[in-house]
Each structure stands twice: as structure tokens, then as C-alpha cells.
C-alpha atoms as a PDB file:
ATOM      1  CA  GLN A   1     115.003 116.041  82.696  1.00  0.00           C
ATOM      2  CA  VAL A   2     112.091 116.883  84.202  1.00  0.00           C
ATOM      3  CA  GLN A   3     110.051 113.938  86.142  1.00  0.00           C
ATOM      4  CA  LEU A   4     106.459 114.056  87.612  1.00  0.00           C
ATOM      5  CA  VAL A   5     105.584 110.716  89.038  1.00  0.00           C
ATOM      6  CA  GLU A   6     101.962 110.606  90.028  1.00  0.00           C
ATOM      7  CA  SER A   7     100.533 107.762  92.801  1.00  0.00           C
ATOM      8  CA  GLY A   8      97.892 107.199  95.049  1.00  0.00           C
ATOM      9  CA  GLY A   9      95.184 105.953  92.597  1.00  0.00           C
ATOM     10  CA  GLY A  10      93.494 102.750  93.332  1.00  0.00           C
ATOM     11  CA  SER A  11      89.727 101.179  93.590  1.00  0.00           C
ATOM     12  CA  VAL A  12      87.430 102.866  95.476  1.00  0.00           C
ATOM     13  CA  GLN A  13      83.525 102.317  95.852  1.00  0.00           C
ATOM     14  CA  THR A  14      81.041 105.683  95.010  1.00  0.00           C
ATOM     15  CA  GLY A  15      81.392 107.881  98.168  1.00  0.00           C
ATOM     16  CA  GLY A  16      85.221 106.959  98.859  1.00  0.00           C
ATOM     17  CA  SER A  17      88.017 109.240  98.919  1.00  0.00           C
ATOM     18  CA  LEU A  18      91.464 108.610  97.663  1.00  0.00           C
ATOM     19  CA  ARG A  19      94.759 111.416  97.900  1.00  0.00           C
ATOM     20  CA  LEU A  20      96.908 111.704  94.689  1.00  0.00           C
ATOM     21  CA  SER A  21     100.301 112.637  95.085  1.00  0.00           C
ATOM     22  CA  CYS A  22     102.893 114.120  92.429  1.00  0.00           C
ATOM     23  CA  THR A  23     106.718 114.217  93.059  1.00  0.00           C
ATOM     24  CA  ALA A  24     108.527 116.634  90.871  1.00  0.00           C
ATOM     25  CA  SER A  25     112.090 116.300  90.013  1.00  0.00           C
ATOM     26  CA  GLY A  26     114.590 118.058  87.711  1.00  0.00           C
ATOM     27  CA  LEU A  27     112.825 121.424  87.774  1.00  0.00           C
ATOM     28  CA  VAL A  28     112.445 124.008  90.456  1.00  0.00           C
ATOM     29  CA  PHE A  29     109.027 122.706  91.518  1.00  0.00           C
ATOM     30  CA  SER A  30     108.474 125.899  93.626  1.00  0.00           C
ATOM     31  CA  ALA A  31     108.660 128.660  90.646  1.00  0.00           C
ATOM     32  CA  TYR A  32     105.689 127.104  88.604  1.00  0.00           C
ATOM     33  CA  ALA A  33     102.228 126.589  88.671  1.00  0.00           C
ATOM     34  CA  MET A  34     100.751 123.192  88.463  1.00  0.00           C
ATOM     35  CA  ALA A  35      97.742 121.279  87.861  1.00  0.00           C
ATOM     36  CA  TRP A  36      95.391 117.966  87.580  1.00  0.00           C
ATOM     37  CA  PHE A  37      94.174 116.681  84.758  1.00  0.00           C
ATOM     38  CA  ARG A  38      92.314 113.272  84.136  1.00  0.00           C
ATOM     39  CA  GLN A  39      91.307 111.695  81.036  1.00  0.00           C
ATOM     40  CA  ALA A  40      88.437 108.998  80.807  1.00  0.00           C
ATOM     41  CA  SER A  41      88.219 106.346  78.368  1.00  0.00           C
ATOM     42  CA  GLY A  42      87.226 107.355  75.183  1.00  0.00           C
ATOM     43  CA  LYS A  43      87.323 111.158  76.047  1.00  0.00           C
ATOM     44  CA  GLU A  44      89.431 114.341  76.240  1.00  0.00           C
ATOM     45  CA  ARG A  45      91.356 115.165  78.512  1.00  0.00           C
ATOM     46  CA  GLU A  46      89.950 117.551  80.877  1.00  0.00           C
ATOM     47  CA  GLY A  47      91.549 119.897  83.558  1.00  0.00           C
ATOM     48  CA  ILE A  48      90.543 119.527  87.491  1.00  0.00           C
ATOM     49  CA  ALA A  49      92.262 122.104  89.071  1.00  0.00           C
ATOM     50  CA  CYS A  50      95.466 124.590  88.821  1.00  0.00           C
ATOM     51  CA  THR A  51      97.491 125.913  91.802  1.00  0.00           C
ATOM     52  CA  SER A  52      99.731 128.973  91.745  1.00  0.00           C
ATOM     53  CA  TRP A  53     103.203 128.563  92.464  1.00  0.00           C
ATOM     54  CA  ASP A  54     102.767 129.342  96.313  1.00  0.00           C
ATOM     55  CA  GLY A  55      99.603 127.798  96.633  1.00  0.00           C
ATOM     56  CA  SER A  56      97.871 131.120  97.237  1.00  0.00           C
ATOM     57  CA  MET A  57      95.848 131.160  94.154  1.00  0.00           C
ATOM     58  CA  THR A  58      94.060 128.240  92.846  1.00  0.00           C
ATOM     59  CA  GLU A  59      91.517 127.828  90.186  1.00  0.00           C
ATOM     60  CA  SER A  60      88.979 124.874  89.905  1.00  0.00           C
ATOM     61  CA  ALA A  61      86.548 122.670  87.153  1.00  0.00           C
ATOM     62  CA  ALA A  62      83.153 124.278  88.019  1.00  0.00           C
ATOM     63  CA  SER A  63      81.918 120.342  88.023  1.00  0.00           C
ATOM     64  CA  MET A  64      84.175 119.490  90.299  1.00  0.00           C
ATOM     65  CA  LYS A  65      84.663 122.049  93.243  1.00  0.00           C
ATOM     66  CA  GLY A  66      83.737 121.218  96.299  1.00  0.00           C
ATOM     67  CA  ARG A  67      84.982 117.339  95.806  1.00  0.00           C
ATOM     68  CA  PHE A  68      88.096 117.748  94.737  1.00  0.00           C
ATOM     69  CA  THR A  69      91.154 120.265  96.103  1.00  0.00           C
ATOM     70  CA  ILE A  70      94.583 120.705  95.044  1.00  0.00           C
ATOM     71  CA  SER A  71      97.699 121.546  97.280  1.00  0.00           C
ATOM     72  CA  ARG A  72     100.963 121.750  97.042  1.00  0.00           C
ATOM     73  CA  ASP A  73     104.241 121.412  99.313  1.00  0.00           C
ATOM     74  CA  ASN A  74     106.833 123.214  97.816  1.00  0.00           C
ATOM     75  CA  ALA A  75     109.361 121.856 101.056  1.00  0.00           C
ATOM     76  CA  ARG A  76     108.721 118.422  99.405  1.00  0.00           C
ATOM     77  CA  ASN A  77     108.260 119.142  95.264  1.00  0.00           C
ATOM     78  CA  SER A  78     104.939 117.636  95.776  1.00  0.00           C
ATOM     79  CA  LEU A  79     101.366 118.411  94.302  1.00  0.00           C
ATOM     80  CA  TYR A  80      98.271 116.683  95.956  1.00  0.00           C
ATOM     81  CA  LEU A  81      94.948 116.226  94.883  1.00  0.00           C
ATOM     82  CA  GLN A  82      92.423 115.343  97.470  1.00  0.00           C
ATOM     83  CA  MET A  83      89.399 113.627  96.003  1.00  0.00           C
ATOM     84  CA  ASN A  84      85.987 113.004  98.148  1.00  0.00           C
ATOM     85  CA  ASN A  85      82.784 111.783  97.681  1.00  0.00           C
ATOM     86  CA  LEU A  86      83.678 110.087  94.678  1.00  0.00           C
ATOM     87  CA  GLU A  87      81.421 108.919  91.583  1.00  0.00           C
ATOM     88  CA  PRO A  88      81.925 105.978  89.095  1.00  0.00           C
ATOM     89  CA  GLU A  89      82.408 109.365  86.591  1.00  0.00           C
ATOM     90  CA  ASP A  90      85.140 109.805  88.068  1.00  0.00           C
ATOM     91  CA  THR A  91      87.240 106.901  86.673  1.00  0.00           C
ATOM     92  CA  ALA A  92      90.125 107.980  84.687  1.00  0.00           C
ATOM     93  CA  MET A  93      93.615 108.316  84.178  1.00  0.00           C
ATOM     94  CA  TYR A  94      94.898 111.135  86.975  1.00  0.00           C
ATOM     95  CA  TYR A  95      97.700 112.972  85.714  1.00  0.00           C
ATOM     96  CA  CYS A  96      99.545 116.030  87.332  1.00  0.00           C
ATOM     97  CA  ALA A  97     101.255 118.858  84.922  1.00  0.00           C
ATOM     98  CA  SER A  98     103.790 121.484  85.522  1.00  0.00           C
ATOM     99  CA  THR A  99     103.719 124.917  83.078  1.00  0.00           C
ATOM    100  CA  GLY A 100     107.355 125.071  83.439  1.00  0.00           C
ATOM    101  CA  ARG A 101     107.144 129.137  82.520  1.00  0.00           C
ATOM    102  CA  SER A 102     104.148 130.291  84.278  1.00  0.00           C
ATOM    103  CA  ALA A 103     104.063 131.024  88.269  1.00  0.00           C
ATOM    104  CA  TYR A 104     100.507 131.244  87.910  1.00  0.00           C
ATOM    105  CA  CYS A 105      97.596 129.704  86.512  1.00  0.00           C
ATOM    106  CA  SER A 106      96.292 131.834  83.402  1.00  0.00           C
ATOM    107  CA  GLU A 107      92.631 131.922  82.341  1.00  0.00           C
ATOM    108  CA  ARG A 108      93.630 128.956  80.109  1.00  0.00           C
ATOM    109  CA  TRP A 109      95.163 126.937  82.869  1.00  0.00           C
ATOM    110  CA  SER A 110      92.371 123.920  81.599  1.00  0.00           C
ATOM    111  CA  VAL A 111      93.895 124.147  78.016  1.00  0.00           C
ATOM    112  CA  GLU A 112      97.027 120.931  77.878  1.00  0.00           C
ATOM    113  CA  ARG A 113      99.110 122.792  75.936  1.00  0.00           C
ATOM    114  CA  GLU A 114      99.557 125.379  78.609  1.00  0.00           C
ATOM    115  CA  PHE A 115     101.771 122.895  80.231  1.00  0.00           C
ATOM    116  CA  ALA A 116     105.189 121.511  79.296  1.00  0.00           C
ATOM    117  CA  HIS A 117     105.701 118.859  81.562  1.00  0.00           C
ATOM    118  CA  TRP A 118     103.204 115.779  82.313  1.00  0.00           C
ATOM    119  CA  GLY A 119     103.393 112.722  84.470  1.00  0.00           C
ATOM    120  CA  GLN A 120     102.436 109.076  83.547  1.00  0.00           C
ATOM    121  CA  GLY A 121      99.710 109.346  85.381  1.00  0.00           C
ATOM    122  CA  THR A 122      97.902 107.082  88.028  1.00  0.00           C
ATOM    123  CA  GLN A 123      94.263 105.125  87.497  1.00  0.00           C
ATOM    124  CA  VAL A 124      91.681 106.003  89.743  1.00  0.00           C
ATOM    125  CA  THR A 125      88.943 103.302  89.347  1.00  0.00           C
ATOM    126  CA  VAL A 126      85.267 104.207  91.155  1.00  0.00           C
ATOM    127  CA  SER A 127      82.920 101.392  91.243  1.00  0.00           C
ATOM    128  CA  SER A 128      78.985 101.563  92.303  1.00  0.00           C
END
């Protein structure tokens, strides 16, 4: 059974930083592209960033590029999202996801159905 467990969320003030983690089990973590998504209350889930199986190639949403950085440690079966200069608009539930089939991020990486496995999410709240 595939499990993705996010952690590291919390409450921060504007301008603060957080590092989210996602630990995977039940799959060959190093074989697949992984991504972070987020969903704010009342809004659709949106893709933040995607990384290839070895971390050599990444894709990021233009609106978050430069503030958010995705990385992975295959030896630890872990995916990370470093978030800097956080803004109230970043308040959302953050999810990690695995393609479960592709080693690289496709051009449709920001589309939910490209990913077969999802975590339960970790809440990030940014106050002004």
C-alpha cells in the first residue's frame, strides 16, 4: 500500500520560511517523478513544482518560482519543499504526489490526474 505522509506545515508570519517534507513508503520512490500541490479554501488544487526521479530536472509554477524550491533525497524516500518569503496568499493545504508511473515530469505535470498517489496534506497558514 502506497503511503505519502507530509509534515512541516504550521503557522508563520509574512516573510517567514517553512520546509515541508513528504516521506513515502510502499513504492519504489526513486523510480518516479514527484510533485507538490496546494489547495486554498474555496479554490482548485494547483501545482507548485515537480521533480524527476533523480532530481536532475524540475518544473515550477511561474507564480512561485524563486520562492519555492523542490528537492528530493532518494536514500531517505523523501521529498521536500523549501518555501521562503511566504505571503498570506500562500495559506493552503499542501500535498505531495507521485506519478506512480513516470520518471520525468510531463508537460502536464500541474494536472492532478497525472499523479496516481497522494498524501493527506499539511496545513500552511501565513498571517500578515
